[in-house]
């Protein structure tokens, strides 16, 4: 649900990419074996090539030489270029590290808790609406089955078509409402994430930290490195709650299902967000 947190997300992607490489390195014998001393792989006996067609042309239209090169394997990579050295630059500062658990911060954020409660309430209303529609369709289907012997083929087909059209329109409507709820959640969470980035920068600078890592990516650290609680407290102080915009149905969905595009579920747009207590 997080769309930003660029500084943290970029670091997480780099760390995630480094993990498979580390796993591959660790799976070796534990020491370096030069290529000359490495055990030779078992020789692979190539299958007997098919007789080329007359004139050096194979069945797929390639020449015999081209077909042989393709079967030999992947083409060789180009040589690594030798580049001139760049001018010397000043070395980076010594790292002063901290660790942070973003999921724990969001879990204990009063603003995020308020967003979650509102979104869950809207989704609950949507589920009730879907269940009511399903019950109505089942009753209509039972009524059609009961009247099969009394209706002509055209009348039966017309009733079935009408029910199918109602089901299709309702499914489009429910899908649009669900998309609108998700969009409202993204907007509200985006406000929290923007403030969270600023708070992380604020707290880390107060400690003189210039490198903050995801706590889940660190195998061992002391408690003094962890700024999760400080970030959470400061975030709740600056942003105790956030307004969740009303659920707006996408225009193309509203047009297809004859809905009001300004329709919302679960909360009056003029109603203040419900304040949440710390958990």
Protein backbone atom coordinates (compact mmCIF):
# COMPACT_ATOMS: atom_id res chain seq x y z
CA UNK A 1 0.00 0.00 0.00
CA UNK A 2 3.00 2.23 0.17
CA UNK A 3 3.70 4.10 -3.02
CA UNK A 4 6.69 6.11 -1.95
CA UNK A 5 9.25 6.08 0.87
CA UNK A 6 11.84 6.37 -1.88
CA UNK A 7 14.92 6.46 0.30
CA UNK A 8 13.86 3.40 2.26
CA UNK A 9 12.35 1.45 -0.62
CA UNK A 10 15.41 1.90 -2.83
CA UNK A 11 17.63 0.60 -0.07
CA UNK A 12 15.34 -2.38 0.47
CA UNK A 13 15.49 -3.24 -3.24
CA UNK A 14 19.28 -3.14 -3.21
CA UNK A 15 19.46 -5.33 -0.13
CA UNK A 16 16.94 -7.78 -1.59
CA UNK A 17 18.97 -8.03 -4.77
CA UNK A 18 22.15 -8.68 -2.82
CA UNK A 19 20.66 -11.60 -0.86
CA UNK A 20 20.54 -14.15 -3.74
CA UNK A 21 24.11 -13.33 -4.69
CA UNK A 22 25.24 -13.84 -1.10
CA UNK A 23 23.39 -17.16 -0.96
CA UNK A 24 25.12 -18.36 -4.11
CA UNK A 25 28.51 -17.34 -2.74
CA UNK A 26 27.88 -19.10 0.55
CA UNK A 27 26.89 -22.35 -1.14
CA UNK A 28 30.44 -22.98 -2.38
CA UNK A 29 33.13 -25.08 -0.66
CA UNK A 30 34.21 -22.11 1.50
CA UNK A 31 37.44 -21.28 -0.31
CA UNK A 32 38.48 -19.93 -3.68
CA UNK A 33 39.44 -22.36 -6.41
CA UNK A 34 41.34 -20.90 -9.38
CA UNK A 35 39.91 -21.79 -12.75
CA UNK A 36 42.97 -23.84 -13.64
CA UNK A 37 42.60 -25.99 -10.52
CA UNK A 38 38.83 -26.36 -10.62
CA UNK A 39 37.60 -29.89 -11.37
CA UNK A 40 36.78 -30.33 -15.01
CA UNK A 41 33.14 -30.80 -15.90
CA UNK A 42 32.12 -34.06 -17.49
CA UNK A 43 32.46 -33.86 -21.22
CA UNK A 44 29.15 -33.71 -23.01
CA UNK A 45 28.94 -35.93 -26.04
CA UNK A 46 27.07 -33.98 -28.71
CA UNK A 47 24.33 -35.73 -30.59
CA UNK A 48 25.06 -36.68 -34.15
CA UNK A 49 24.11 -33.82 -36.42
CA UNK A 50 21.63 -34.45 -39.19
CA UNK A 51 22.94 -34.70 -42.70
CA UNK A 52 22.76 -31.25 -44.33
CA UNK A 53 20.65 -30.83 -47.40
CA UNK A 54 22.41 -30.49 -50.75
CA UNK A 55 24.04 -27.15 -51.37
CA UNK A 56 24.82 -26.53 -47.67
CA UNK A 57 21.23 -25.51 -46.82
CA UNK A 58 19.38 -27.03 -43.88
CA UNK A 59 15.66 -27.62 -43.69
CA UNK A 60 14.99 -24.32 -41.86
CA UNK A 61 16.72 -22.29 -44.55
CA UNK A 62 19.96 -21.59 -42.62
CA UNK A 63 23.36 -22.40 -44.01
CA UNK A 64 25.26 -25.30 -42.47
CA UNK A 65 27.82 -22.96 -40.91
CA UNK A 66 25.19 -20.65 -39.39
CA UNK A 67 23.24 -23.57 -37.97
CA UNK A 68 26.40 -24.97 -36.39
CA UNK A 69 27.24 -21.65 -34.71
CA UNK A 70 23.72 -21.37 -33.31
CA UNK A 71 23.88 -24.85 -31.80
CA UNK A 72 27.25 -24.17 -30.18
CA UNK A 73 25.63 -21.99 -27.49
CA UNK A 74 25.26 -18.35 -26.67
CA UNK A 75 27.41 -15.80 -28.50
CA UNK A 76 30.52 -14.53 -26.73
CA UNK A 77 30.15 -11.35 -24.73
CA UNK A 78 32.11 -8.32 -25.88
CA UNK A 79 35.38 -7.60 -24.13
CA UNK A 80 35.30 -5.28 -21.11
CA UNK A 81 36.56 -1.87 -22.22
CA UNK A 82 39.53 -0.26 -20.48
CA UNK A 83 38.47 3.22 -19.38
CA UNK A 84 40.70 6.05 -18.20
CA UNK A 85 40.74 6.84 -14.50
CA UNK A 86 38.49 9.63 -13.26
CA UNK A 87 39.78 12.55 -11.21
CA UNK A 88 40.12 11.80 -7.54
CA UNK A 89 37.16 12.80 -5.40
CA UNK A 90 36.77 13.28 -1.67
CA UNK A 91 35.91 10.03 0.12
CA UNK A 92 32.43 9.68 1.63
CA UNK A 93 32.00 10.34 5.34
CA UNK A 94 32.30 7.54 7.84
CA UNK A 95 28.93 5.79 8.21
CA UNK A 96 26.86 6.53 11.29
CA UNK A 97 24.11 3.94 11.04
CA UNK A 98 20.63 3.50 12.43
CA UNK A 99 17.91 0.91 11.91
CA UNK A 100 14.17 1.32 11.50
CA UNK A 101 11.10 -0.92 11.17
CA UNK A 102 8.67 0.82 8.83
CA UNK A 103 5.93 -1.84 9.29
CA UNK A 104 6.05 -1.33 13.05
CA UNK A 105 5.86 2.44 12.64
CA UNK A 106 2.80 2.15 10.39
CA UNK A 107 1.20 -0.39 12.71
CA UNK A 108 1.50 2.00 15.67
CA UNK A 109 0.67 5.15 13.72
CA UNK A 110 -2.63 6.60 14.94
CA UNK A 111 -3.24 8.12 11.52
CA UNK A 112 -2.70 4.77 9.78
CA UNK A 113 -4.98 3.06 12.28
CA UNK A 114 -7.71 5.58 11.51
CA UNK A 115 -7.33 5.02 7.77
CA UNK A 116 -7.50 1.26 8.27
CA UNK A 117 -10.69 1.48 10.32
CA UNK A 118 -12.45 3.69 7.77
CA UNK A 119 -11.38 1.56 4.80
CA UNK A 120 -12.44 -1.65 6.53
CA UNK A 121 -15.84 -0.12 7.31
CA UNK A 122 -16.35 0.82 3.66
CA UNK A 123 -15.28 -2.62 2.50
CA UNK A 124 -17.71 -4.17 4.98
CA UNK A 125 -20.59 -2.19 3.47
CA UNK A 126 -19.47 -3.27 0.02
CA UNK A 127 -19.48 -6.92 1.06
CA UNK A 128 -22.99 -6.55 2.46
CA UNK A 129 -24.12 -5.03 -0.83
CA UNK A 130 -22.56 -7.89 -2.78
CA UNK A 131 -24.25 -10.48 -0.56
CA UNK A 132 -27.62 -8.78 -0.99
CA UNK A 133 -27.20 -8.81 -4.77
CA UNK A 134 -26.26 -12.47 -4.74
CA UNK A 135 -29.34 -13.35 -2.68
CA UNK A 136 -31.54 -11.42 -5.11
CA UNK A 137 -30.06 -13.23 -8.11
CA UNK A 138 -30.59 -16.62 -6.50
CA UNK A 139 -34.27 -15.80 -5.91
CA UNK A 140 -34.67 -14.64 -9.50
CA UNK A 141 -33.06 -17.81 -10.78
CA UNK A 142 -35.34 -19.95 -8.61
CA UNK A 143 -38.38 -18.08 -9.91
CA UNK A 144 -37.30 -18.65 -13.52
CA UNK A 145 -36.78 -22.36 -12.87
CA UNK A 146 -40.26 -22.59 -11.34
CA UNK A 147 -41.85 -20.95 -14.40
CA UNK A 148 -40.00 -22.96 -17.04
CA UNK A 149 -43.00 -25.09 -17.86
CA UNK A 150 -45.32 -22.09 -18.18
CA UNK A 151 -43.11 -19.86 -20.34
CA UNK A 152 -42.44 -20.03 -24.03
CA UNK A 153 -38.90 -20.34 -25.29
CA UNK A 154 -38.73 -16.63 -26.14
CA UNK A 155 -40.16 -15.58 -22.76
CA UNK A 156 -37.70 -17.80 -20.91
CA UNK A 157 -34.80 -16.46 -22.93
CA UNK A 158 -35.88 -12.85 -22.27
CA UNK A 159 -36.04 -13.39 -18.50
CA UNK A 160 -32.63 -15.07 -18.44
CA UNK A 161 -31.13 -12.25 -20.51
CA UNK A 162 -32.59 -9.65 -18.14
CA UNK A 163 -31.10 -11.34 -15.07
CA UNK A 164 -27.73 -11.70 -16.78
CA UNK A 165 -27.73 -7.99 -17.64
CA UNK A 166 -28.51 -7.08 -14.02
CA UNK A 167 -25.69 -9.32 -12.79
CA UNK A 168 -23.20 -7.82 -15.24
CA UNK A 169 -24.15 -4.24 -14.31
CA UNK A 170 -23.94 -5.02 -10.59
CA UNK A 171 -20.51 -6.62 -10.99
CA UNK A 172 -19.22 -3.55 -12.83
CA UNK A 173 -20.66 -1.34 -10.10
CA UNK A 174 -19.11 -3.36 -7.26
CA UNK A 175 -15.76 -3.43 -9.02
CA UNK A 176 -15.85 0.34 -9.44
CA UNK A 177 -16.75 0.89 -5.80
CA UNK A 178 -13.90 -1.36 -4.70
CA UNK A 179 -11.47 0.55 -6.93
CA UNK A 180 -12.73 3.81 -5.46
CA UNK A 181 -12.12 2.55 -1.92
CA UNK A 182 -8.57 1.53 -2.84
CA UNK A 183 -7.90 4.93 -4.39
CA UNK A 184 -9.10 6.68 -1.23
CA UNK A 185 -6.79 4.53 0.87
CA UNK A 186 -3.81 5.30 -1.37
CA UNK A 187 -4.40 9.04 -1.10
CA UNK A 188 -4.66 8.92 2.69
CA UNK A 189 -1.63 6.66 3.09
CA UNK A 190 0.35 8.87 0.73
CA UNK A 191 -0.07 11.75 3.17
CA UNK A 192 1.20 9.59 6.02
CA UNK A 193 4.20 8.39 4.02
CA UNK A 194 5.21 11.92 3.05
CA UNK A 195 5.27 12.94 6.69
CA UNK A 196 7.04 9.72 7.65
CA UNK A 197 9.91 10.42 5.25
CA UNK A 198 10.38 13.87 6.79
CA UNK A 199 10.24 12.44 10.32
CA UNK A 200 12.86 9.77 9.53
CA UNK A 201 15.15 12.47 8.21
CA UNK A 202 14.46 14.64 11.25
CA UNK A 203 15.17 11.92 13.83
CA UNK A 204 18.23 10.56 12.03
CA UNK A 205 19.76 14.02 11.77
CA UNK A 206 19.16 14.57 15.49
CA UNK A 207 21.31 11.48 16.15
CA UNK A 208 23.92 12.43 13.54
CA UNK A 209 23.04 9.37 11.45
CA UNK A 210 23.81 9.38 7.75
CA UNK A 211 22.69 5.82 6.93
CA UNK A 212 19.39 4.25 8.06
CA UNK A 213 18.70 0.60 7.21
CA UNK A 214 15.62 -1.57 7.36
CA UNK A 215 15.75 -3.46 10.64
CA UNK A 216 14.57 -6.65 8.93
CA UNK A 217 17.69 -6.59 6.75
CA UNK A 218 20.12 -6.36 9.68
CA UNK A 219 21.24 -9.60 11.31
CA UNK A 220 22.51 -8.01 14.53
CA UNK A 221 22.33 -4.56 16.07
CA UNK A 222 22.23 -2.93 19.48
CA UNK A 223 19.17 -1.11 20.76
CA UNK A 224 20.91 2.25 20.50
CA UNK A 225 20.82 1.94 16.70
CA UNK A 226 17.02 1.50 16.61
CA UNK A 227 15.04 4.71 16.05
CA UNK A 228 11.67 3.01 15.44
CA UNK A 229 10.00 4.23 18.63
CA UNK A 230 11.29 7.77 18.26
CA UNK A 231 10.03 7.95 14.69
CA UNK A 232 6.64 6.55 15.73
CA UNK A 233 6.24 9.03 18.59
CA UNK A 234 7.22 11.97 16.41
CA UNK A 235 4.92 10.85 13.59
CA UNK A 236 1.96 10.57 15.96
CA UNK A 237 2.79 13.99 17.36
CA UNK A 238 2.91 15.69 13.96
CA UNK A 239 0.15 13.68 12.27
CA UNK A 240 -2.26 12.13 14.78
CA UNK A 241 -4.94 11.63 12.12
CA UNK A 242 -5.50 12.09 8.41
CA UNK A 243 -8.63 12.64 6.37
CA UNK A 244 -9.72 9.80 4.13
CA UNK A 245 -11.33 11.23 0.97
CA UNK A 246 -14.77 9.93 -0.02
CA UNK A 247 -14.99 6.94 -2.30
CA UNK A 248 -15.33 8.30 -5.83
CA UNK A 249 -16.42 5.85 -8.50
CA UNK A 250 -14.28 5.99 -11.68
CA UNK A 251 -16.15 7.84 -14.41
CA UNK A 252 -16.09 5.01 -16.94
CA UNK A 253 -17.57 2.64 -14.36
CA UNK A 254 -20.22 5.16 -13.34
CA UNK A 255 -21.21 5.63 -16.97
CA UNK A 256 -21.47 1.90 -17.65
CA UNK A 257 -23.60 1.21 -14.57
CA UNK A 258 -25.62 4.47 -14.48
CA UNK A 259 -24.12 5.49 -11.14
CA UNK A 260 -23.39 8.86 -9.60
CA UNK A 261 -19.61 9.40 -10.06
CA UNK A 262 -19.54 11.34 -6.78
CA UNK A 263 -21.02 8.45 -4.83
CA UNK A 264 -19.16 7.47 -1.70
CA UNK A 265 -19.45 4.68 0.84
CA UNK A 266 -18.89 4.44 4.55
CA UNK A 267 -18.28 8.10 5.42
CA UNK A 268 -19.82 11.50 4.89
CA UNK A 269 -17.26 13.65 3.02
CA UNK A 270 -18.05 16.51 5.41
CA UNK A 271 -17.47 14.33 8.47
CA UNK A 272 -14.22 14.72 10.37
CA UNK A 273 -12.00 11.62 10.60
CA UNK A 274 -12.55 9.54 13.69
CA UNK A 275 -9.68 10.13 16.15
CA UNK A 276 -7.81 6.96 17.06
CA UNK A 277 -6.04 6.12 20.28
CA UNK A 278 -2.55 4.71 20.55
CA UNK A 279 -2.38 0.96 20.64
